Amino acid sequence: MIGAFRYQIEILAETRMADEAGGASRAFAPTAQVWAAVELLPSVAAIGDDRARRLRRLSALVRSRMDWAIGGRIRFDGADYEIVSIESDDERGRRVFLICEEAAP
């Protein structure tokens, strides 16, 4: 842990399993923990199940890895978040900001 990287987040990997109806069900399982600088962002409005709700958002500054992808998931403080944007912190791409929104249960 160095400087501002004081929080641990978990990287979640997607797994698909065949279901009884012939389709596939998605699940996410922890694969690794990384150190990050986490900042909470303002929530955004979302509509689901015929009602409005607020989605929590966060920005996580992490060391660059090959497995970061939009649509991927992380877990922070017991909640799962979907990566909606990946932005480079410097010209070398050594660190990236993961902009994430609370994942639907």
PDB file of N, CA and C in Angstrom:
ATOM      1  N   MET A   1       0.852  -1.172   0.000  1.00  0.00           N
ATOM      2  CA  MET A   1       0.000   0.000   0.000  1.00  0.00           C
ATOM      3  C   MET A   1       0.895   1.231   0.000  1.00  0.00           C
ATOM      4  N   ILE A   2       0.668   2.161  -0.953  1.00  0.00           N
ATOM      5  CA  ILE A   2       1.478   3.356  -1.055  1.00  0.00           C
ATOM      6  C   ILE A   2       0.564   4.564  -1.160  1.00  0.00           C
ATOM      7  N   GLY A   3       0.812   5.582  -0.323  1.00  0.00           N
ATOM      8  CA  GLY A   3       0.104   6.854  -0.424  1.00  0.00           C
ATOM      9  C   GLY A   3      -1.405   6.730  -0.397  1.00  0.00           C
ATOM     10  N   ALA A   4      -2.031   7.267  -1.445  1.00  0.00           N
ATOM     11  CA  ALA A   4      -3.490   7.354  -1.492  1.00  0.00           C
ATOM     12  C   ALA A   4      -4.170   6.009  -1.744  1.00  0.00           C
ATOM     13  N   PHE A   5      -3.410   4.999  -2.126  1.00  0.00           N
ATOM     14  CA  PHE A   5      -4.001   3.683  -2.389  1.00  0.00           C
ATOM     15  C   PHE A   5      -4.223   2.981  -1.060  1.00  0.00           C
ATOM     16  N   ARG A   6      -5.274   3.389  -0.364  1.00  0.00           N
ATOM     17  CA  ARG A   6      -5.482   2.870   0.996  1.00  0.00           C
ATOM     18  C   ARG A   6      -6.697   1.971   1.169  1.00  0.00           C
ATOM     19  N   TYR A   7      -7.420   1.725   0.094  1.00  0.00           N
ATOM     20  CA  TYR A   7      -8.590   0.848   0.163  1.00  0.00           C
ATOM     21  C   TYR A   7      -8.357  -0.385  -0.699  1.00  0.00           C
ATOM     22  N   GLN A   8      -8.889  -1.504  -0.264  1.00  0.00           N
ATOM     23  CA  GLN A   8      -8.827  -2.700  -1.087  1.00  0.00           C
ATOM     24  C   GLN A   8     -10.164  -2.910  -1.781  1.00  0.00           C
ATOM     25  N   ILE A   9     -10.100  -3.197  -3.069  1.00  0.00           N
ATOM     26  CA  ILE A   9     -11.287  -3.557  -3.824  1.00  0.00           C
ATOM     27  C   ILE A   9     -11.060  -4.958  -4.393  1.00  0.00           C
ATOM     28  N   GLU A  10     -12.146  -5.655  -4.637  1.00  0.00           N
ATOM     29  CA  GLU A  10     -12.061  -6.994  -5.214  1.00  0.00           C
ATOM     30  C   GLU A  10     -12.447  -6.936  -6.684  1.00  0.00           C
ATOM     31  N   ILE A  11     -11.698  -7.644  -7.497  1.00  0.00           N
ATOM     32  CA  ILE A  11     -12.053  -7.806  -8.903  1.00  0.00           C
ATOM     33  C   ILE A  11     -12.987  -9.008  -8.983  1.00  0.00           C
ATOM     34  N   LEU A  12     -14.119  -8.825  -9.649  1.00  0.00           N
ATOM     35  CA  LEU A  12     -15.094  -9.913  -9.799  1.00  0.00           C
ATOM     36  C   LEU A  12     -15.075 -10.411 -11.236  1.00  0.00           C
ATOM     37  N   ALA A  13     -14.980 -11.715 -11.395  1.00  0.00           N
ATOM     38  CA  ALA A  13     -14.984 -12.322 -12.732  1.00  0.00           C
ATOM     39  C   ALA A  13     -16.354 -12.935 -12.993  1.00  0.00           C
ATOM     40  N   GLU A  14     -16.820 -12.771 -14.216  1.00  0.00           N
ATOM     41  CA  GLU A  14     -18.122 -13.318 -14.602  1.00  0.00           C
ATOM     42  C   GLU A  14     -17.997 -14.800 -14.944  1.00  0.00           C
ATOM     43  N   THR A  15     -18.947 -15.555 -14.472  1.00  0.00           N
ATOM     44  CA  THR A  15     -19.044 -16.967 -14.848  1.00  0.00           C
ATOM     45  C   THR A  15     -20.457 -17.207 -15.364  1.00  0.00           C
ATOM     46  N   ARG A  16     -20.569 -18.054 -16.347  1.00  0.00           N
ATOM     47  CA  ARG A  16     -21.887 -18.412 -16.899  1.00  0.00           C
ATOM     48  C   ARG A  16     -22.108 -19.896 -16.682  1.00  0.00           C
ATOM     49  N   MET A  17     -23.294 -20.204 -16.194  1.00  0.00           N
ATOM     50  CA  MET A  17     -23.643 -21.602 -15.955  1.00  0.00           C
ATOM     51  C   MET A  17     -24.951 -21.898 -16.664  1.00  0.00           C
ATOM     52  N   ALA A  18     -25.031 -23.064 -17.273  1.00  0.00           N
ATOM     53  CA  ALA A  18     -26.257 -23.477 -17.970  1.00  0.00           C
ATOM     54  C   ALA A  18     -27.376 -23.640 -16.953  1.00  0.00           C
ATOM     55  N   ASP A  19     -28.557 -23.157 -17.340  1.00  0.00           N
ATOM     56  CA  ASP A  19     -29.710 -23.340 -16.459  1.00  0.00           C
ATOM     57  C   ASP A  19     -30.646 -24.393 -17.067  1.00  0.00           C
ATOM     58  N   GLU A  20     -31.699 -24.722 -16.341  1.00  0.00           N
ATOM     59  CA  GLU A  20     -32.614 -25.785 -16.760  1.00  0.00           C
ATOM     60  C   GLU A  20     -33.409 -25.434 -18.007  1.00  0.00           C
ATOM     61  N   ALA A  21     -33.542 -24.145 -18.311  1.00  0.00           N
ATOM     62  CA  ALA A  21     -34.326 -23.725 -19.466  1.00  0.00           C
ATOM     63  C   ALA A  21     -33.497 -23.694 -20.747  1.00  0.00           C
ATOM     64  N   GLY A  22     -32.228 -24.083 -20.669  1.00  0.00           N
ATOM     65  CA  GLY A  22     -31.380 -24.093 -21.853  1.00  0.00           C
ATOM     66  C   GLY A  22     -30.610 -22.799 -22.060  1.00  0.00           C
ATOM     67  N   GLY A  23     -30.784 -21.850 -21.169  1.00  0.00           N
ATOM     68  CA  GLY A  23     -30.060 -20.589 -21.253  1.00  0.00           C
ATOM     69  C   GLY A  23     -28.846 -20.616 -20.348  1.00  0.00           C
ATOM     70  N   ALA A  24     -28.406 -19.453 -19.968  1.00  0.00           N
ATOM     71  CA  ALA A  24     -27.249 -19.358 -19.068  1.00  0.00           C
ATOM     72  C   ALA A  24     -27.542 -18.316 -18.000  1.00  0.00           C
ATOM     73  N   SER A  25     -27.088 -18.579 -16.813  1.00  0.00           N
ATOM     74  CA  SER A  25     -27.222 -17.600 -15.741  1.00  0.00           C
ATOM     75  C   SER A  25     -25.838 -17.025 -15.444  1.00  0.00           C
ATOM     76  N   ARG A  26     -25.814 -15.739 -15.133  1.00  0.00           N
ATOM     77  CA  ARG A  26     -24.555 -15.046 -14.851  1.00  0.00           C
ATOM     78  C   ARG A  26     -24.341 -14.953 -13.359  1.00  0.00           C
ATOM     79  N   ALA A  27     -23.113 -15.128 -12.969  1.00  0.00           N
ATOM     80  CA  ALA A  27     -22.723 -14.941 -11.578  1.00  0.00           C
ATOM     81  C   ALA A  27     -21.346 -14.292 -11.580  1.00  0.00           C
ATOM     82  N   PHE A  28     -21.013 -13.621 -10.495  1.00  0.00           N
ATOM     83  CA  PHE A  28     -19.717 -12.961 -10.378  1.00  0.00           C
ATOM     84  C   PHE A  28     -19.032 -13.459  -9.126  1.00  0.00           C
ATOM     85  N   ALA A  29     -17.766 -13.831  -9.270  1.00  0.00           N
ATOM     86  CA  ALA A  29     -17.001 -14.365  -8.146  1.00  0.00           C
ATOM     87  C   ALA A  29     -15.702 -13.572  -7.997  1.00  0.00           C
ATOM     88  N   PRO A  30     -15.267 -13.341  -6.756  1.00  0.00           N
ATOM     89  CA  PRO A  30     -14.015 -12.612  -6.543  1.00  0.00           C
ATOM     90  C   PRO A  30     -12.816 -13.395  -7.089  1.00  0.00           C
ATOM     91  N   THR A  31     -11.900 -12.670  -7.758  1.00  0.00           N
ATOM     92  CA  THR A  31     -10.704 -13.322  -8.295  1.00  0.00           C
ATOM     93  C   THR A  31      -9.420 -12.745  -7.716  1.00  0.00           C
ATOM     94  N   ALA A  32      -9.422 -11.464  -7.344  1.00  0.00           N
ATOM     95  CA  ALA A  32      -8.207 -10.844  -6.817  1.00  0.00           C
ATOM     96  C   ALA A  32      -8.582  -9.595  -6.031  1.00  0.00           C
ATOM     97  N   GLN A  33      -7.672  -9.169  -5.158  1.00  0.00           N
ATOM     98  CA  GLN A  33      -7.833  -7.905  -4.441  1.00  0.00           C
ATOM     99  C   GLN A  33      -6.718  -6.969  -4.871  1.00  0.00           C
ATOM    100  N   VAL A  34      -7.061  -5.682  -5.060  1.00  0.00           N
ATOM    101  CA  VAL A  34      -6.072  -4.677  -5.425  1.00  0.00           C
ATOM    102  C   VAL A  34      -6.263  -3.447  -4.552  1.00  0.00           C
ATOM    103  N   TRP A  35      -5.180  -2.682  -4.396  1.00  0.00           N
ATOM    104  CA  TRP A  35      -5.252  -1.425  -3.644  1.00  0.00           C
ATOM    105  C   TRP A  35      -5.740  -0.320  -4.567  1.00  0.00           C
ATOM    106  N   ALA A  36      -6.537   0.608  -4.027  1.00  0.00           N
ATOM    107  CA  ALA A  36      -7.107   1.685  -4.834  1.00  0.00           C
ATOM    108  C   ALA A  36      -7.298   2.941  -3.992  1.00  0.00           C
ATOM    109  N   ALA A  37      -7.338   4.064  -4.685  1.00  0.00           N
ATOM    110  CA  ALA A  37      -7.774   5.323  -4.089  1.00  0.00           C
ATOM    111  C   ALA A  37      -9.231   5.480  -4.512  1.00  0.00           C
ATOM    112  N   VAL A  38     -10.142   5.456  -3.568  1.00  0.00           N
ATOM    113  CA  VAL A  38     -11.579   5.451  -3.880  1.00  0.00           C
ATOM    114  C   VAL A  38     -12.197   6.780  -3.488  1.00  0.00           C
ATOM    115  N   GLU A  39     -12.994   7.316  -4.395  1.00  0.00           N
ATOM    116  CA  GLU A  39     -13.733   8.551  -4.140  1.00  0.00           C
ATOM    117  C   GLU A  39     -15.192   8.324  -4.494  1.00  0.00           C
ATOM    118  N   LEU A  40     -16.087   8.633  -3.574  1.00  0.00           N
ATOM    119  CA  LEU A  40     -17.519   8.506  -3.858  1.00  0.00           C
ATOM    120  C   LEU A  40     -17.949   9.657  -4.750  1.00  0.00           C
ATOM    121  N   LEU A  41     -18.773   9.363  -5.740  1.00  0.00           N
ATOM    122  CA  LEU A  41     -19.288  10.352  -6.680  1.00  0.00           C
ATOM    123  C   LEU A  41     -20.769  10.567  -6.408  1.00  0.00           C
ATOM    124  N   PRO A  42     -21.343  11.653  -6.932  1.00  0.00           N
ATOM    125  CA  PRO A  42     -22.789  11.845  -6.768  1.00  0.00           C
ATOM    126  C   PRO A  42     -23.564  10.690  -7.397  1.00  0.00           C
ATOM    127  N   SER A  43     -24.653  10.299  -6.765  1.00  0.00           N
ATOM    128  CA  SER A  43     -25.482   9.213  -7.296  1.00  0.00           C
ATOM    129  C   SER A  43     -26.232   9.690  -8.533  1.00  0.00           C
ATOM    130  N   VAL A  44     -26.745   8.726  -9.294  1.00  0.00           N
ATOM    131  CA  VAL A  44     -27.529   9.043 -10.487  1.00  0.00           C
ATOM    132  C   VAL A  44     -28.891   8.373 -10.376  1.00  0.00           C
ATOM    133  N   ALA A  45     -29.862   8.952 -11.054  1.00  0.00           N
ATOM    134  CA  ALA A  45     -31.213   8.394 -11.041  1.00  0.00           C
ATOM    135  C   ALA A  45     -31.293   7.209 -11.988  1.00  0.00           C
ATOM    136  N   ALA A  46     -32.055   6.210 -11.598  1.00  0.00           N
ATOM    137  CA  ALA A  46     -32.290   5.026 -12.436  1.00  0.00           C
ATOM    138  C   ALA A  46     -33.731   4.589 -12.230  1.00  0.00           C
ATOM    139  N   ILE A  47     -34.312   4.028 -13.277  1.00  0.00           N
ATOM    140  CA  ILE A  47     -35.677   3.527 -13.176  1.00  0.00           C
ATOM    141  C   ILE A  47     -35.647   2.025 -13.421  1.00  0.00           C
ATOM    142  N   GLY A  48     -36.199   1.289 -12.502  1.00  0.00           N
ATOM    143  CA  GLY A  48     -36.256  -0.166 -12.633  1.00  0.00           C
ATOM    144  C   GLY A  48     -37.403  -0.691 -11.799  1.00  0.00           C
ATOM    145  N   ASP A  49     -38.009  -1.763 -12.266  1.00  0.00           N
ATOM    146  CA  ASP A  49     -39.144  -2.342 -11.555  1.00  0.00           C
ATOM    147  C   ASP A  49     -40.247  -1.317 -11.320  1.00  0.00           C
ATOM    148  N   ASP A  50     -40.464  -0.438 -12.313  1.00  0.00           N
ATOM    149  CA  ASP A  50     -41.514   0.581 -12.272  1.00  0.00           C
ATOM    150  C   ASP A  50     -41.378   1.562 -11.110  1.00  0.00           C
ATOM    151  N   ARG A  51     -40.145   1.785 -10.675  1.00  0.00           N
ATOM    152  CA  ARG A  51     -39.944   2.795  -9.630  1.00  0.00           C
ATOM    153  C   ARG A  51     -38.576   3.432  -9.821  1.00  0.00           C
ATOM    154  N   ALA A  52     -38.481   4.655  -9.386  1.00  0.00           N
ATOM    155  CA  ALA A  52     -37.219   5.383  -9.479  1.00  0.00           C
ATOM    156  C   ALA A  52     -36.358   5.077  -8.261  1.00  0.00           C
ATOM    157  N   ARG A  53     -35.061   5.041  -8.470  1.00  0.00           N
ATOM    158  CA  ARG A  53     -34.123   4.849  -7.366  1.00  0.00           C
ATOM    159  C   ARG A  53     -32.811   5.540  -7.711  1.00  0.00           C
ATOM    160  N   ARG A  54     -31.923   5.625  -6.773  1.00  0.00           N
ATOM    161  CA  ARG A  54     -30.628   6.253  -6.959  1.00  0.00           C
ATOM    162  C   ARG A  54     -29.552   5.170  -6.976  1.00  0.00           C
ATOM    163  N   LEU A  55     -28.629   5.274  -7.928  1.00  0.00           N
ATOM    164  CA  LEU A  55     -27.499   4.353  -8.003  1.00  0.00           C
ATOM    165  C   LEU A  55     -26.266   5.028  -7.409  1.00  0.00           C
ATOM    166  N   ARG A  56     -25.624   4.345  -6.470  1.00  0.00           N
ATOM    167  CA  ARG A  56     -24.377   4.870  -5.921  1.00  0.00           C
ATOM    168  C   ARG A  56     -23.296   4.760  -6.999  1.00  0.00           C
ATOM    169  N   ARG A  57     -22.369   5.710  -6.992  1.00  0.00           N
ATOM    170  CA  ARG A  57     -21.269   5.703  -7.959  1.00  0.00           C
ATOM    171  C   ARG A  57     -19.957   5.951  -7.234  1.00  0.00           C
ATOM    172  N   LEU A  58     -18.869   5.506  -7.850  1.00  0.00           N
ATOM    173  CA  LEU A  58     -17.557   5.781  -7.280  1.00  0.00           C
ATOM    174  C   LEU A  58     -16.511   5.825  -8.382  1.00  0.00           C
ATOM    175  N   SER A  59     -15.392   6.442  -8.039  1.00  0.00           N
ATOM    176  CA  SER A  59     -14.216   6.472  -8.889  1.00  0.00           C
ATOM    177  C   SER A  59     -13.102   5.776  -8.126  1.00  0.00           C
ATOM    178  N   ALA A  60     -12.441   4.813  -8.762  1.00  0.00           N
ATOM    179  CA  ALA A  60     -11.345   4.083  -8.118  1.00  0.00           C
ATOM    180  C   ALA A  60     -10.096   4.233  -8.974  1.00  0.00           C
ATOM    181  N   LEU A  61      -9.066   4.861  -8.419  1.00  0.00           N
ATOM    182  CA  LEU A  61      -7.779   4.970  -9.099  1.00  0.00           C
ATOM    183  C   LEU A  61      -6.971   3.725  -8.754  1.00  0.00           C
ATOM    184  N   VAL A  62      -6.587   2.961  -9.778  1.00  0.00           N
ATOM    185  CA  VAL A  62      -5.891   1.689  -9.580  1.00  0.00           C
ATOM    186  C   VAL A  62      -4.711   1.598 -10.542  1.00  0.00           C
ATOM    187  N   ARG A  63      -3.810   0.682 -10.259  1.00  0.00           N
ATOM    188  CA  ARG A  63      -2.740   0.389 -11.204  1.00  0.00           C
ATOM    189  C   ARG A  63      -3.353  -0.327 -12.406  1.00  0.00           C
ATOM    190  N   SER A  64      -2.834  -0.023 -13.575  1.00  0.00           N
ATOM    191  CA  SER A  64      -3.372  -0.600 -14.798  1.00  0.00           C
ATOM    192  C   SER A  64      -3.160  -2.110 -14.828  1.00  0.00           C
ATOM    193  N   ARG A  65      -4.154  -2.816 -15.323  1.00  0.00           N
ATOM    194  CA  ARG A  65      -4.109  -4.278 -15.494  1.00  0.00           C
ATOM    195  C   ARG A  65      -4.745  -4.602 -16.833  1.00  0.00           C
ATOM    196  N   MET A  66      -4.422  -5.745 -17.351  1.00  0.00           N
ATOM    197  CA  MET A  66      -4.999  -6.154 -18.630  1.00  0.00           C
ATOM    198  C   MET A  66      -6.449  -6.608 -18.498  1.00  0.00           C
ATOM    199  N   ASP A  67      -6.896  -6.943 -17.286  1.00  0.00           N
ATOM    200  CA  ASP A  67      -8.249  -7.484 -17.139  1.00  0.00           C
ATOM    201  C   ASP A  67      -9.310  -6.447 -16.790  1.00  0.00           C
ATOM    202  N   TRP A  68      -8.977  -5.150 -16.766  1.00  0.00           N
ATOM    203  CA  TRP A  68     -10.020  -4.146 -16.572  1.00  0.00           C
ATOM    204  C   TRP A  68     -10.820  -4.037 -17.858  1.00  0.00           C
ATOM    205  N   ALA A  69     -12.136  -4.026 -17.762  1.00  0.00           N
ATOM    206  CA  ALA A  69     -12.981  -3.917 -18.953  1.00  0.00           C
ATOM    207  C   ALA A  69     -14.301  -3.250 -18.581  1.00  0.00           C
ATOM    208  N   ILE A  70     -14.818  -2.459 -19.509  1.00  0.00           N
ATOM    209  CA  ILE A  70     -16.140  -1.881 -19.309  1.00  0.00           C
ATOM    210  C   ILE A  70     -17.146  -3.031 -19.234  1.00  0.00           C
ATOM    211  N   GLY A  71     -18.023  -2.960 -18.256  1.00  0.00           N
ATOM    212  CA  GLY A  71     -18.966  -4.042 -18.023  1.00  0.00           C
ATOM    213  C   GLY A  71     -18.472  -5.019 -16.972  1.00  0.00           C
ATOM    214  N   GLY A  72     -17.188  -4.940 -16.636  1.00  0.00           N
ATOM    215  CA  GLY A  72     -16.649  -5.771 -15.567  1.00  0.00           C
ATOM    216  C   GLY A  72     -17.178  -5.285 -14.225  1.00  0.00           C
ATOM    217  N   ARG A  73     -16.876  -6.011 -13.177  1.00  0.00           N
ATOM    218  CA  ARG A  73     -17.381  -5.630 -11.854  1.00  0.00           C
ATOM    219  C   ARG A  73     -16.279  -5.632 -10.810  1.00  0.00           C
ATOM    220  N   ILE A  74     -16.480  -4.778  -9.815  1.00  0.00           N
ATOM    221  CA  ILE A  74     -15.619  -4.744  -8.643  1.00  0.00           C
ATOM    222  C   ILE A  74     -16.511  -4.749  -7.405  1.00  0.00           C
ATOM    223  N   ARG A  75     -15.928  -5.069  -6.269  1.00  0.00           N
ATOM    224  CA  ARG A  75     -16.661  -5.012  -4.997  1.00  0.00           C
ATOM    225  C   ARG A  75     -15.900  -4.086  -4.059  1.00  0.00           C
ATOM    226  N   PHE A  76     -16.624  -3.121  -3.494  1.00  0.00           N
ATOM    227  CA  PHE A  76     -16.037  -2.195  -2.533  1.00  0.00           C
ATOM    228  C   PHE A  76     -16.997  -2.025  -1.368  1.00  0.00           C
ATOM    229  N   ASP A  77     -16.494  -2.181  -0.192  1.00  0.00           N
ATOM    230  CA  ASP A  77     -17.279  -1.976   1.025  1.00  0.00           C
ATOM    231  C   ASP A  77     -18.569  -2.805   1.023  1.00  0.00           C
ATOM    232  N   GLY A  78     -18.476  -4.040   0.508  1.00  0.00           N
ATOM    233  CA  GLY A  78     -19.612  -4.956   0.535  1.00  0.00           C
ATOM    234  C   GLY A  78     -20.628  -4.779  -0.574  1.00  0.00           C
ATOM    235  N   ALA A  79     -20.425  -3.812  -1.472  1.00  0.00           N
ATOM    236  CA  ALA A  79     -21.373  -3.584  -2.573  1.00  0.00           C
ATOM    237  C   ALA A  79     -20.668  -3.843  -3.910  1.00  0.00           C
ATOM    238  N   ASP A  80     -21.423  -4.362  -4.877  1.00  0.00           N
ATOM    239  CA  ASP A  80     -20.886  -4.622  -6.212  1.00  0.00           C
ATOM    240  C   ASP A  80     -21.148  -3.426  -7.116  1.00  0.00           C
ATOM    241  N   TYR A  81     -20.142  -3.097  -7.932  1.00  0.00           N
ATOM    242  CA  TYR A  81     -20.221  -1.977  -8.863  1.00  0.00           C
ATOM    243  C   TYR A  81     -19.822  -2.445 -10.255  1.00  0.00           C
ATOM    244  N   GLU A  82     -20.510  -1.909 -11.269  1.00  0.00           N
ATOM    245  CA  GLU A  82     -20.176  -2.200 -12.659  1.00  0.00           C
ATOM    246  C   GLU A  82     -19.299  -1.088 -13.203  1.00  0.00           C
ATOM    247  N   ILE A  83     -18.240  -1.455 -13.917  1.00  0.00           N
ATOM    248  CA  ILE A  83     -17.335  -0.471 -14.520  1.00  0.00           C
ATOM    249  C   ILE A  83     -18.022   0.101 -15.756  1.00  0.00           C
ATOM    250  N   VAL A  84     -18.240   1.434 -15.768  1.00  0.00           N
ATOM    251  CA  VAL A  84     -18.906   2.069 -16.901  1.00  0.00           C
ATOM    252  C   VAL A  84     -17.948   2.922 -17.730  1.00  0.00           C
ATOM    253  N   SER A  85     -16.767   3.218 -17.186  1.00  0.00           N
ATOM    254  CA  SER A  85     -15.769   3.996 -17.916  1.00  0.00           C
ATOM    255  C   SER A  85     -14.393   3.705 -17.340  1.00  0.00           C
ATOM    256  N   ILE A  86     -13.388   3.710 -18.216  1.00  0.00           N
ATOM    257  CA  ILE A  86     -11.993   3.531 -17.809  1.00  0.00           C
ATOM    258  C   ILE A  86     -11.212   4.686 -18.411  1.00  0.00           C
ATOM    259  N   GLU A  87     -10.575   5.501 -17.556  1.00  0.00           N
ATOM    260  CA  GLU A  87      -9.872   6.686 -18.010  1.00  0.00           C
ATOM    261  C   GLU A  87      -8.444   6.668 -17.493  1.00  0.00           C
ATOM    262  N   SER A  88      -7.483   6.956 -18.395  1.00  0.00           N
ATOM    263  CA  SER A  88      -6.070   6.930 -18.029  1.00  0.00           C
ATOM    264  C   SER A  88      -5.729   8.110 -17.131  1.00  0.00           C
ATOM    265  N   ASP A  89      -4.861   7.858 -16.160  1.00  0.00           N
ATOM    266  CA  ASP A  89      -4.407   8.901 -15.241  1.00  0.00           C
ATOM    267  C   ASP A  89      -3.191   9.638 -15.791  1.00  0.00           C
ATOM    268  N   ASP A  90      -2.380   8.982 -16.607  1.00  0.00           N
ATOM    269  CA  ASP A  90      -1.171   9.598 -17.153  1.00  0.00           C
ATOM    270  C   ASP A  90      -0.935   9.106 -18.577  1.00  0.00           C
ATOM    271  N   GLU A  91       0.028   9.721 -19.267  1.00  0.00           N
ATOM    272  CA  GLU A  91       0.277   9.374 -20.664  1.00  0.00           C
ATOM    273  C   GLU A  91       0.831   7.967 -20.848  1.00  0.00           C
ATOM    274  N   ARG A  92       1.413   7.403 -19.828  1.00  0.00           N
ATOM    275  CA  ARG A  92       1.956   6.042 -19.932  1.00  0.00           C
ATOM    276  C   ARG A  92       0.916   4.966 -19.632  1.00  0.00           C
ATOM    277  N   GLY A  93      -0.189   5.341 -19.059  1.00  0.00           N
ATOM    278  CA  GLY A  93      -1.239   4.382 -18.748  1.00  0.00           C
ATOM    279  C   GLY A  93      -0.901   3.461 -17.589  1.00  0.00           C
ATOM    280  N   ARG A  94      -0.060   3.930 -16.673  1.00  0.00           N
ATOM    281  CA  ARG A  94       0.313   3.093 -15.524  1.00  0.00           C
ATOM    282  C   ARG A  94      -0.806   2.977 -14.515  1.00  0.00           C
ATOM    283  N   ARG A  95      -1.632   4.014 -14.440  1.00  0.00           N
ATOM    284  CA  ARG A  95      -2.777   4.004 -13.527  1.00  0.00           C
ATOM    285  C   ARG A  95      -4.009   4.411 -14.314  1.00  0.00           C
ATOM    286  N   VAL A  96      -5.158   3.894 -13.886  1.00  0.00           N
ATOM    287  CA  VAL A  96      -6.419   4.241 -14.539  1.00  0.00           C
ATOM    288  C   VAL A  96      -7.487   4.533 -13.493  1.00  0.00           C
ATOM    289  N   PHE A  97      -8.431   5.373 -13.877  1.00  0.00           N
ATOM    290  CA  PHE A  97      -9.623   5.620 -13.069  1.00  0.00           C
ATOM    291  C   PHE A  97     -10.718   4.692 -13.573  1.00  0.00           C
ATOM    292  N   LEU A  98     -11.303   3.943 -12.667  1.00  0.00           N
ATOM    293  CA  LEU A  98     -12.478   3.128 -12.982  1.00  0.00           C
ATOM    294  C   LEU A  98     -13.692   3.896 -12.480  1.00  0.00           C
ATOM    295  N   ILE A  99     -14.557   4.316 -13.373  1.00  0.00           N
ATOM    296  CA  ILE A  99     -15.793   4.983 -12.983  1.00  0.00           C
ATOM    297  C   ILE A  99     -16.859   3.887 -12.933  1.00  0.00           C
ATOM    298  N   CYS A 100     -17.486   3.741 -11.770  1.00  0.00           N
ATOM    299  CA  CYS A 100     -18.374   2.601 -11.542  1.00  0.00           C
ATOM    300  C   CYS A 100     -19.729   3.035 -10.996  1.00  0.00           C
ATOM    301  N   GLU A 101     -20.756   2.266 -11.347  1.00  0.00           N
ATOM    302  CA  GLU A 101     -22.105   2.456 -10.819  1.00  0.00           C
ATOM    303  C   GLU A 101     -22.538   1.193 -10.100  1.00  0.00           C
ATOM    304  N   GLU A 102     -23.351   1.381  -9.086  1.00  0.00           N
ATOM    305  CA  GLU A 102     -23.875   0.249  -8.317  1.00  0.00           C
ATOM    306  C   GLU A 102     -24.536  -0.750  -9.260  1.00  0.00           C
ATOM    307  N   ALA A 103     -24.170  -2.020  -9.118  1.00  0.00           N
ATOM    308  CA  ALA A 103     -24.705  -3.070  -9.989  1.00  0.00           C
ATOM    309  C   ALA A 103     -26.082  -3.499  -9.505  1.00  0.00           C
ATOM    310  N   ALA A 104     -26.927  -3.824 -10.467  1.00  0.00           N
ATOM    311  CA  ALA A 104     -28.262  -4.329 -10.126  1.00  0.00           C
ATOM    312  C   ALA A 104     -28.124  -5.677  -9.432  1.00  0.00           C
ATOM    313  N   PRO A 105     -28.934  -5.919  -8.406  1.00  0.00           N
ATOM    314  CA  PRO A 105     -28.831  -7.201  -7.683  1.00  0.00           C
ATOM    315  C   PRO A 105     -29.235  -8.389  -8.529  1.00  0.00           C
TER     316      PRO A 105
END
